[in-house]
Amino acid sequence: MTTSDTTMDQTIADLENLAKELRATRRKVSQSIKALETVIVQRKAIPNLSNLPPIVTTKPIPEPQPLHKHDAIQTYRDVFHAYPQKACYETIIAAVGNAGADIELWRECCKFWMGQGYNPKNINGQLARFDEMWHEGRDGASHLEVIDGVTYHVYENGTREIAN
C-alpha cells in the first residue's frame, strides 16, 4: 500500500465517522422535537387556570404545636426546672394526655417525685407513679398499656379505655 492509499483510507474512515455522528445528532434532534411536541399537546389540554376563582379557606390550617410546648412537658419543666429528654416527649404526652385534670395529676406526680429525691430523668418510673395516682379512686383500674402506639388504661376486668 502506498502513502496515498493510506491517506485515502483514513479520509474515508473519517467521513464514515462524521456520517455516524450526524445520524446520531439527527436522532437526538428528532427525539427532542417529539418531546417538545408532546409538551405542547399536554399544555393545550390543560384549561386556562387563570380563569378559575381563587381558593378561599374559611379557617387557616393551624401549625402543629411543637412537642416542648405541650402542657405535660411544660408541667415537667415547671416542677424540675429542666426539660425531660427529647426522646421521652412523645411517651410523656401519650401517657398524660391533654385533659386539664390529668395535667394537674401529672404536676402532683412530678412534685411527689421531686419530694422523694428520685431521679428526674427516670421517666418510666414517673409515668408508673402517674398511672398509680390516676387509678386511685377508679374501681377495678390496673395499669397503662401501649398497643400499636396507642396508650390505653387497662382495667382488671380486661376492658380498655384510650388514655387522653
N, C-alpha and C. Protein backbone atom coordinates (compact mmCIF):
# COMPACT_ATOMS: atom_id res chain seq x y z
N MET A 1 0.83 -1.18 0.00
CA MET A 1 0.00 0.00 0.00
C MET A 1 0.88 1.24 0.00
N THR A 2 0.42 2.19 -0.71
CA THR A 2 1.18 3.42 -0.80
C THR A 2 0.66 4.43 0.19
N THR A 3 1.38 5.49 0.31
CA THR A 3 1.00 6.55 1.24
C THR A 3 -0.31 7.18 0.83
N SER A 4 -0.56 7.34 -0.44
CA SER A 4 -1.80 7.95 -0.90
C SER A 4 -2.99 7.03 -0.62
N ASP A 5 -2.79 5.70 -0.70
CA ASP A 5 -3.85 4.75 -0.37
C ASP A 5 -4.19 4.84 1.12
N THR A 6 -3.17 4.95 1.96
CA THR A 6 -3.38 5.04 3.41
C THR A 6 -4.11 6.34 3.74
N THR A 7 -3.74 7.42 3.10
CA THR A 7 -4.39 8.70 3.32
C THR A 7 -5.84 8.63 2.87
N MET A 8 -6.09 7.97 1.74
CA MET A 8 -7.45 7.83 1.21
C MET A 8 -8.29 7.00 2.18
N ASP A 9 -7.73 5.90 2.71
CA ASP A 9 -8.45 5.05 3.67
C ASP A 9 -8.80 5.84 4.94
N GLN A 10 -7.86 6.66 5.38
CA GLN A 10 -8.09 7.46 6.58
C GLN A 10 -9.20 8.49 6.34
N THR A 11 -9.19 9.10 5.17
CA THR A 11 -10.21 10.08 4.82
C THR A 11 -11.58 9.42 4.77
N ILE A 12 -11.66 8.24 4.20
CA ILE A 12 -12.93 7.52 4.12
C ILE A 12 -13.42 7.18 5.54
N ALA A 13 -12.51 6.71 6.39
CA ALA A 13 -12.87 6.37 7.78
C ALA A 13 -13.37 7.62 8.51
N ASP A 14 -12.71 8.75 8.28
CA ASP A 14 -13.14 10.00 8.92
C ASP A 14 -14.53 10.40 8.44
N LEU A 15 -14.77 10.27 7.15
CA LEU A 15 -16.09 10.61 6.60
C LEU A 15 -17.17 9.67 7.15
N GLU A 16 -16.86 8.38 7.29
CA GLU A 16 -17.83 7.44 7.85
C GLU A 16 -18.16 7.80 9.31
N ASN A 17 -17.14 8.17 10.09
CA ASN A 17 -17.36 8.58 11.49
C ASN A 17 -18.22 9.84 11.55
N LEU A 18 -17.95 10.78 10.66
CA LEU A 18 -18.73 12.00 10.61
C LEU A 18 -20.19 11.70 10.26
N ALA A 19 -20.42 10.79 9.34
CA ALA A 19 -21.77 10.40 8.96
C ALA A 19 -22.50 9.77 10.17
N LYS A 20 -21.79 8.92 10.95
CA LYS A 20 -22.38 8.30 12.14
C LYS A 20 -22.78 9.37 13.16
N GLU A 21 -21.89 10.33 13.36
CA GLU A 21 -22.18 11.41 14.31
C GLU A 21 -23.39 12.22 13.88
N LEU A 22 -23.48 12.52 12.57
CA LEU A 22 -24.62 13.28 12.06
C LEU A 22 -25.92 12.51 12.24
N ARG A 23 -25.89 11.18 11.98
CA ARG A 23 -27.09 10.36 12.18
C ARG A 23 -27.51 10.38 13.64
N ALA A 24 -26.53 10.25 14.55
CA ALA A 24 -26.84 10.26 15.99
C ALA A 24 -27.42 11.60 16.41
N THR A 25 -26.84 12.68 15.89
CA THR A 25 -27.34 14.01 16.20
C THR A 25 -28.74 14.19 15.66
N ARG A 26 -28.99 13.69 14.43
CA ARG A 26 -30.31 13.79 13.84
C ARG A 26 -31.33 13.06 14.71
N ARG A 27 -30.94 11.84 15.25
CA ARG A 27 -31.84 11.10 16.12
C ARG A 27 -32.16 11.90 17.39
N LYS A 28 -31.10 12.51 17.96
CA LYS A 28 -31.31 13.29 19.16
C LYS A 28 -32.22 14.49 18.90
N VAL A 29 -32.02 15.16 17.78
CA VAL A 29 -32.86 16.30 17.42
C VAL A 29 -34.29 15.82 17.19
N SER A 30 -34.44 14.71 16.53
CA SER A 30 -35.77 14.16 16.27
C SER A 30 -36.47 13.83 17.58
N GLN A 31 -35.73 13.23 18.50
CA GLN A 31 -36.31 12.89 19.81
C GLN A 31 -36.69 14.16 20.57
N SER A 32 -35.86 15.17 20.49
CA SER A 32 -36.14 16.43 21.17
C SER A 32 -37.39 17.09 20.59
N ILE A 33 -37.53 17.03 19.27
CA ILE A 33 -38.71 17.60 18.62
C ILE A 33 -39.97 16.86 19.07
N LYS A 34 -39.90 15.53 19.12
CA LYS A 34 -41.05 14.74 19.56
C LYS A 34 -41.42 15.08 21.01
N ALA A 35 -40.42 15.22 21.87
CA ALA A 35 -40.69 15.55 23.26
C ALA A 35 -41.32 16.93 23.38
N LEU A 36 -40.83 17.88 22.61
CA LEU A 36 -41.39 19.22 22.62
C LEU A 36 -42.82 19.23 22.13
N GLU A 37 -43.11 18.48 21.07
CA GLU A 37 -44.48 18.39 20.56
C GLU A 37 -45.41 17.77 21.61
N THR A 38 -44.92 16.78 22.35
CA THR A 38 -45.73 16.16 23.41
C THR A 38 -46.07 17.17 24.49
N VAL A 39 -45.10 17.98 24.89
CA VAL A 39 -45.34 19.01 25.91
C VAL A 39 -46.37 20.02 25.40
N ILE A 40 -46.29 20.40 24.14
CA ILE A 40 -47.23 21.35 23.56
C ILE A 40 -48.65 20.79 23.60
N VAL A 41 -48.81 19.53 23.22
CA VAL A 41 -50.13 18.90 23.25
C VAL A 41 -50.66 18.85 24.68
N GLN A 42 -49.82 18.50 25.64
CA GLN A 42 -50.25 18.43 27.04
C GLN A 42 -50.67 19.80 27.55
N ARG A 43 -49.92 20.84 27.20
CA ARG A 43 -50.25 22.19 27.65
C ARG A 43 -51.57 22.67 27.06
N LYS A 44 -51.84 22.28 25.83
CA LYS A 44 -53.10 22.68 25.20
C LYS A 44 -54.28 21.99 25.87
N ALA A 45 -54.05 20.80 26.42
CA ALA A 45 -55.12 20.05 27.06
C ALA A 45 -55.48 20.61 28.44
N ILE A 46 -54.56 21.33 29.08
CA ILE A 46 -54.81 21.90 30.41
C ILE A 46 -55.63 23.17 30.24
N PRO A 47 -56.74 23.29 31.02
CA PRO A 47 -57.54 24.52 30.90
C PRO A 47 -56.76 25.72 31.44
N ASN A 48 -57.20 26.87 31.04
CA ASN A 48 -56.57 28.11 31.49
C ASN A 48 -56.90 28.30 32.97
N LEU A 49 -55.93 28.11 33.83
CA LEU A 49 -56.15 28.16 35.27
C LEU A 49 -56.35 29.58 35.78
N SER A 50 -55.98 30.57 34.99
CA SER A 50 -56.14 31.95 35.46
C SER A 50 -57.60 32.36 35.53
N ASN A 51 -58.49 31.64 34.82
CA ASN A 51 -59.92 31.97 34.84
C ASN A 51 -60.63 31.39 36.06
N LEU A 52 -60.00 30.48 36.78
CA LEU A 52 -60.63 29.86 37.94
C LEU A 52 -60.62 30.81 39.12
N PRO A 53 -61.68 30.77 39.95
CA PRO A 53 -61.68 31.64 41.13
C PRO A 53 -60.62 31.17 42.13
N PRO A 54 -60.09 32.08 42.93
CA PRO A 54 -59.08 31.68 43.91
C PRO A 54 -59.69 30.77 44.97
N ILE A 55 -58.87 29.91 45.49
CA ILE A 55 -59.32 29.01 46.55
C ILE A 55 -59.31 29.79 47.86
N VAL A 56 -60.45 29.81 48.53
CA VAL A 56 -60.56 30.54 49.78
C VAL A 56 -60.83 29.54 50.90
N THR A 57 -60.03 29.58 51.92
CA THR A 57 -60.27 28.71 53.07
C THR A 57 -60.92 29.55 54.16
N THR A 58 -61.89 28.96 54.82
CA THR A 58 -62.59 29.69 55.86
C THR A 58 -61.79 29.71 57.15
N LYS A 59 -60.98 28.69 57.35
CA LYS A 59 -60.23 28.58 58.58
C LYS A 59 -58.78 28.27 58.24
N PRO A 60 -57.84 29.06 58.72
CA PRO A 60 -56.45 28.72 58.42
C PRO A 60 -56.06 27.41 59.09
N ILE A 61 -55.21 26.67 58.42
CA ILE A 61 -54.74 25.40 58.97
C ILE A 61 -53.75 25.72 60.09
N PRO A 62 -54.03 25.23 61.30
CA PRO A 62 -53.12 25.57 62.40
C PRO A 62 -51.79 24.85 62.28
N GLU A 63 -50.76 25.54 62.70
CA GLU A 63 -49.43 24.94 62.74
C GLU A 63 -49.43 23.91 63.87
N PRO A 64 -48.80 22.75 63.66
CA PRO A 64 -48.73 21.80 64.77
C PRO A 64 -47.88 22.39 65.91
N GLN A 65 -48.35 22.17 67.12
CA GLN A 65 -47.64 22.70 68.28
C GLN A 65 -46.35 21.91 68.49
N PRO A 66 -45.24 22.60 68.69
CA PRO A 66 -44.00 21.88 68.99
C PRO A 66 -44.20 21.07 70.27
N LEU A 67 -43.60 19.89 70.31
CA LEU A 67 -43.80 18.99 71.45
C LEU A 67 -43.37 19.63 72.77
N HIS A 68 -42.31 20.44 72.74
CA HIS A 68 -41.82 21.02 74.00
C HIS A 68 -42.79 22.02 74.59
N LYS A 69 -43.80 22.45 73.83
CA LYS A 69 -44.79 23.40 74.33
C LYS A 69 -46.04 22.71 74.87
N HIS A 70 -46.10 21.39 74.78
CA HIS A 70 -47.25 20.65 75.30
C HIS A 70 -47.33 20.86 76.81
N ASP A 71 -48.57 20.90 77.34
CA ASP A 71 -48.77 21.18 78.77
C ASP A 71 -48.05 20.17 79.67
N ALA A 72 -48.01 18.91 79.27
CA ALA A 72 -47.34 17.91 80.11
C ALA A 72 -45.85 18.16 80.19
N ILE A 73 -45.24 18.58 79.08
CA ILE A 73 -43.80 18.86 79.06
C ILE A 73 -43.52 20.15 79.84
N GLN A 74 -44.37 21.14 79.66
CA GLN A 74 -44.20 22.40 80.39
C GLN A 74 -44.38 22.19 81.90
N THR A 75 -45.30 21.31 82.28
CA THR A 75 -45.50 21.00 83.70
C THR A 75 -44.24 20.36 84.28
N TYR A 76 -43.66 19.42 83.56
CA TYR A 76 -42.40 18.79 83.99
C TYR A 76 -41.35 19.88 84.19
N ARG A 77 -41.25 20.78 83.21
CA ARG A 77 -40.26 21.85 83.27
C ARG A 77 -40.51 22.77 84.46
N ASP A 78 -41.78 23.10 84.73
CA ASP A 78 -42.11 23.96 85.86
C ASP A 78 -41.66 23.36 87.19
N VAL A 79 -41.84 22.05 87.32
CA VAL A 79 -41.50 21.40 88.59
C VAL A 79 -40.00 21.16 88.72
N PHE A 80 -39.38 20.61 87.68
CA PHE A 80 -37.97 20.22 87.76
C PHE A 80 -37.00 21.30 87.29
N HIS A 81 -37.51 22.39 86.73
CA HIS A 81 -36.68 23.48 86.20
C HIS A 81 -35.73 22.98 85.12
N ALA A 82 -36.18 22.00 84.36
CA ALA A 82 -35.43 21.45 83.23
C ALA A 82 -36.41 20.67 82.36
N TYR A 83 -36.08 20.56 81.10
CA TYR A 83 -36.91 19.74 80.21
C TYR A 83 -36.55 18.27 80.37
N PRO A 84 -37.51 17.38 80.13
CA PRO A 84 -37.14 15.96 80.07
C PRO A 84 -36.34 15.72 78.80
N GLN A 85 -35.76 14.54 78.68
CA GLN A 85 -35.03 14.23 77.45
C GLN A 85 -35.99 14.24 76.28
N LYS A 86 -35.58 14.80 75.15
CA LYS A 86 -36.45 14.94 73.98
C LYS A 86 -37.02 13.61 73.52
N ALA A 87 -36.25 12.55 73.66
CA ALA A 87 -36.71 11.23 73.23
C ALA A 87 -37.93 10.78 74.03
N CYS A 88 -38.16 11.38 75.19
CA CYS A 88 -39.28 10.99 76.07
C CYS A 88 -40.52 11.85 75.86
N TYR A 89 -40.45 12.92 75.08
CA TYR A 89 -41.58 13.83 74.92
C TYR A 89 -42.85 13.08 74.51
N GLU A 90 -42.77 12.31 73.43
CA GLU A 90 -43.97 11.65 72.92
C GLU A 90 -44.53 10.64 73.92
N THR A 91 -43.66 9.95 74.65
CA THR A 91 -44.10 8.98 75.65
C THR A 91 -44.86 9.69 76.77
N ILE A 92 -44.33 10.80 77.23
CA ILE A 92 -44.99 11.57 78.29
C ILE A 92 -46.34 12.08 77.80
N ILE A 93 -46.36 12.66 76.62
CA ILE A 93 -47.59 13.24 76.08
C ILE A 93 -48.65 12.15 75.89
N ALA A 94 -48.24 10.98 75.39
CA ALA A 94 -49.19 9.89 75.18
C ALA A 94 -49.77 9.39 76.50
N ALA A 95 -48.95 9.32 77.53
CA ALA A 95 -49.41 8.80 78.82
C ALA A 95 -50.24 9.82 79.59
N VAL A 96 -49.85 11.08 79.55
CA VAL A 96 -50.53 12.10 80.35
C VAL A 96 -51.75 12.65 79.61
N GLY A 97 -51.62 12.88 78.31
CA GLY A 97 -52.74 13.41 77.54
C GLY A 97 -52.88 14.91 77.64
N ASN A 98 -54.09 15.40 77.31
CA ASN A 98 -54.34 16.84 77.25
C ASN A 98 -55.33 17.33 78.29
N ALA A 99 -56.04 16.43 78.95
CA ALA A 99 -57.09 16.84 79.88
C ALA A 99 -56.48 17.64 81.04
N GLY A 100 -57.16 18.71 81.42
CA GLY A 100 -56.67 19.56 82.49
C GLY A 100 -56.46 18.82 83.80
N ALA A 101 -57.39 17.92 84.15
CA ALA A 101 -57.26 17.16 85.39
C ALA A 101 -56.05 16.24 85.33
N ASP A 102 -55.79 15.66 84.17
CA ASP A 102 -54.63 14.78 84.03
C ASP A 102 -53.33 15.57 84.10
N ILE A 103 -53.32 16.78 83.57
CA ILE A 103 -52.13 17.63 83.65
C ILE A 103 -51.86 17.99 85.12
N GLU A 104 -52.90 18.32 85.87
CA GLU A 104 -52.72 18.63 87.29
C GLU A 104 -52.23 17.40 88.06
N LEU A 105 -52.76 16.23 87.72
CA LEU A 105 -52.30 15.00 88.36
C LEU A 105 -50.83 14.76 88.03
N TRP A 106 -50.43 15.05 86.78
CA TRP A 106 -49.03 14.92 86.37
C TRP A 106 -48.16 15.88 87.20
N ARG A 107 -48.66 17.09 87.44
CA ARG A 107 -47.92 18.05 88.26
C ARG A 107 -47.71 17.48 89.67
N GLU A 108 -48.77 16.91 90.25
CA GLU A 108 -48.66 16.31 91.58
C GLU A 108 -47.67 15.14 91.57
N CYS A 109 -47.70 14.36 90.51
CA CYS A 109 -46.77 13.24 90.37
C CYS A 109 -45.33 13.74 90.32
N CYS A 110 -45.09 14.79 89.54
CA CYS A 110 -43.73 15.35 89.44
C CYS A 110 -43.28 15.91 90.78
N LYS A 111 -44.19 16.59 91.49
CA LYS A 111 -43.85 17.13 92.80
C LYS A 111 -43.52 16.00 93.78
N PHE A 112 -44.31 14.94 93.74
CA PHE A 112 -44.05 13.78 94.59
C PHE A 112 -42.67 13.22 94.28
N TRP A 113 -42.37 13.09 92.99
CA TRP A 113 -41.09 12.52 92.57
C TRP A 113 -39.93 13.37 93.07
N MET A 114 -40.09 14.67 92.95
CA MET A 114 -39.03 15.58 93.39
C MET A 114 -38.91 15.53 94.91
N GLY A 115 -40.03 15.51 95.60
CA GLY A 115 -40.02 15.47 97.06
C GLY A 115 -39.36 14.21 97.61
N GLN A 116 -39.46 13.11 96.89
CA GLN A 116 -38.83 11.87 97.33
C GLN A 116 -37.35 11.84 97.01
N GLY A 117 -36.88 12.81 96.23
CA GLY A 117 -35.47 12.86 95.87
C GLY A 117 -35.10 11.87 94.77
N TYR A 118 -36.13 11.41 94.04
CA TYR A 118 -35.88 10.45 92.97
C TYR A 118 -35.25 11.14 91.76
N ASN A 119 -34.67 10.34 90.88
CA ASN A 119 -34.01 10.84 89.68
C ASN A 119 -35.06 11.41 88.71
N PRO A 120 -34.99 12.71 88.39
CA PRO A 120 -35.97 13.30 87.47
C PRO A 120 -35.90 12.73 86.05
N LYS A 121 -34.78 12.10 85.69
CA LYS A 121 -34.67 11.53 84.34
C LYS A 121 -35.33 10.16 84.23
N ASN A 122 -35.80 9.61 85.36
CA ASN A 122 -36.46 8.31 85.35
C ASN A 122 -37.92 8.50 84.94
N ILE A 123 -38.13 8.71 83.65
CA ILE A 123 -39.47 8.99 83.12
C ILE A 123 -40.38 7.78 83.28
N ASN A 124 -39.87 6.58 83.04
CA ASN A 124 -40.71 5.39 83.19
C ASN A 124 -41.22 5.25 84.62
N GLY A 125 -40.38 5.54 85.60
CA GLY A 125 -40.80 5.49 86.99
C GLY A 125 -41.86 6.54 87.29
N GLN A 126 -41.68 7.73 86.76
CA GLN A 126 -42.66 8.79 86.97
C GLN A 126 -44.00 8.44 86.32
N LEU A 127 -43.95 7.86 85.12
CA LEU A 127 -45.19 7.50 84.45
C LEU A 127 -45.88 6.35 85.16
N ALA A 128 -45.11 5.44 85.74
CA ALA A 128 -45.71 4.36 86.53
C ALA A 128 -46.41 4.95 87.75
N ARG A 129 -45.76 5.91 88.40
CA ARG A 129 -46.38 6.58 89.55
C ARG A 129 -47.62 7.36 89.11
N PHE A 130 -47.53 8.03 87.98
CA PHE A 130 -48.68 8.75 87.44
C PHE A 130 -49.84 7.78 87.21
N ASP A 131 -49.54 6.62 86.66
CA ASP A 131 -50.56 5.61 86.40
C ASP A 131 -51.21 5.17 87.71
N GLU A 132 -50.39 4.95 88.73
CA GLU A 132 -50.93 4.56 90.04
C GLU A 132 -51.84 5.66 90.59
N MET A 133 -51.38 6.89 90.51
CA MET A 133 -52.17 8.01 91.02
C MET A 133 -53.46 8.17 90.22
N TRP A 134 -53.39 7.95 88.90
CA TRP A 134 -54.56 8.09 88.04
C TRP A 134 -55.62 7.07 88.42
N HIS A 135 -55.16 5.86 88.76
CA HIS A 135 -56.09 4.78 89.06
C HIS A 135 -56.68 4.86 90.47
N GLU A 136 -56.06 5.63 91.36
CA GLU A 136 -56.62 5.77 92.70
C GLU A 136 -58.02 6.35 92.59
N GLY A 137 -58.97 5.71 93.22
CA GLY A 137 -60.35 6.20 93.18
C GLY A 137 -61.15 5.67 92.02
N ARG A 138 -60.52 4.92 91.12
CA ARG A 138 -61.24 4.32 90.00
C ARG A 138 -61.37 2.83 90.28
N ASP A 139 -62.57 2.33 90.30
CA ASP A 139 -62.81 0.91 90.62
C ASP A 139 -62.24 0.01 89.55
N GLY A 140 -61.50 -0.99 89.98
CA GLY A 140 -61.02 -2.04 89.09
C GLY A 140 -59.91 -1.62 88.15
N ALA A 141 -59.34 -0.44 88.32
CA ALA A 141 -58.31 0.01 87.41
C ALA A 141 -56.99 -0.69 87.70
N SER A 142 -56.19 -0.90 86.65
CA SER A 142 -54.93 -1.59 86.89
C SER A 142 -53.72 -0.85 86.34
N HIS A 143 -53.58 -0.64 85.03
CA HIS A 143 -52.34 -0.07 84.51
C HIS A 143 -52.52 0.52 83.12
N LEU A 144 -51.46 1.26 82.68
CA LEU A 144 -51.41 1.78 81.31
C LEU A 144 -50.75 0.74 80.43
N GLU A 145 -51.18 0.71 79.17
CA GLU A 145 -50.59 -0.23 78.21
C GLU A 145 -50.57 0.46 76.85
N VAL A 146 -49.46 0.34 76.13
CA VAL A 146 -49.35 0.92 74.80
C VAL A 146 -49.46 -0.22 73.79
N ILE A 147 -50.45 -0.10 72.88
CA ILE A 147 -50.67 -1.10 71.84
C ILE A 147 -50.67 -0.37 70.50
N ASP A 148 -49.77 -0.74 69.62
CA ASP A 148 -49.64 -0.12 68.30
C ASP A 148 -49.57 1.40 68.40
N GLY A 149 -48.83 1.89 69.38
CA GLY A 149 -48.63 3.33 69.52
C GLY A 149 -49.76 4.06 70.20
N VAL A 150 -50.82 3.36 70.62
CA VAL A 150 -51.95 3.99 71.30
C VAL A 150 -51.89 3.59 72.77
N THR A 151 -52.02 4.57 73.67
CA THR A 151 -51.95 4.30 75.10
C THR A 151 -53.36 4.05 75.63
N TYR A 152 -53.51 2.94 76.35
CA TYR A 152 -54.80 2.55 76.92
C TYR A 152 -54.69 2.43 78.43
N HIS A 153 -55.79 2.71 79.13
CA HIS A 153 -55.93 2.34 80.53
C HIS A 153 -56.57 0.96 80.50
N VAL A 154 -55.91 -0.04 81.09
CA VAL A 154 -56.40 -1.41 81.07
C VAL A 154 -56.90 -1.74 82.48
N TYR A 155 -58.15 -2.19 82.58
CA TYR A 155 -58.77 -2.48 83.86
C TYR A 155 -58.68 -3.97 84.17
N GLU A 156 -58.89 -4.30 85.45
CA GLU A 156 -58.77 -5.68 85.89
C GLU A 156 -59.75 -6.61 85.17
N ASN A 157 -60.90 -6.09 84.77
CA ASN A 157 -61.87 -6.93 84.07
C ASN A 157 -61.54 -7.11 82.59
N GLY A 158 -60.41 -6.55 82.14
CA GLY A 158 -59.95 -6.75 80.76
C GLY A 158 -60.36 -5.67 79.79
N THR A 159 -61.23 -4.76 80.21
CA THR A 159 -61.64 -3.69 79.29
C THR A 159 -60.54 -2.65 79.18
N ARG A 160 -60.55 -1.94 78.05
CA ARG A 160 -59.56 -0.91 77.80
C ARG A 160 -60.26 0.40 77.52
N GLU A 161 -59.57 1.48 77.88
CA GLU A 161 -60.06 2.82 77.61
C GLU A 161 -58.88 3.61 77.07
N ILE A 162 -59.07 4.31 75.96
CA ILE A 162 -57.98 5.10 75.38
C ILE A 162 -57.64 6.22 76.35
N ALA A 163 -56.35 6.34 76.66
CA ALA A 163 -55.90 7.40 77.55
C ALA A 163 -55.91 8.72 76.81
N ASN A 164 -56.29 9.78 77.48
CA ASN A 164 -56.35 11.10 76.85
C ASN A 164 -54.98 11.65 76.69
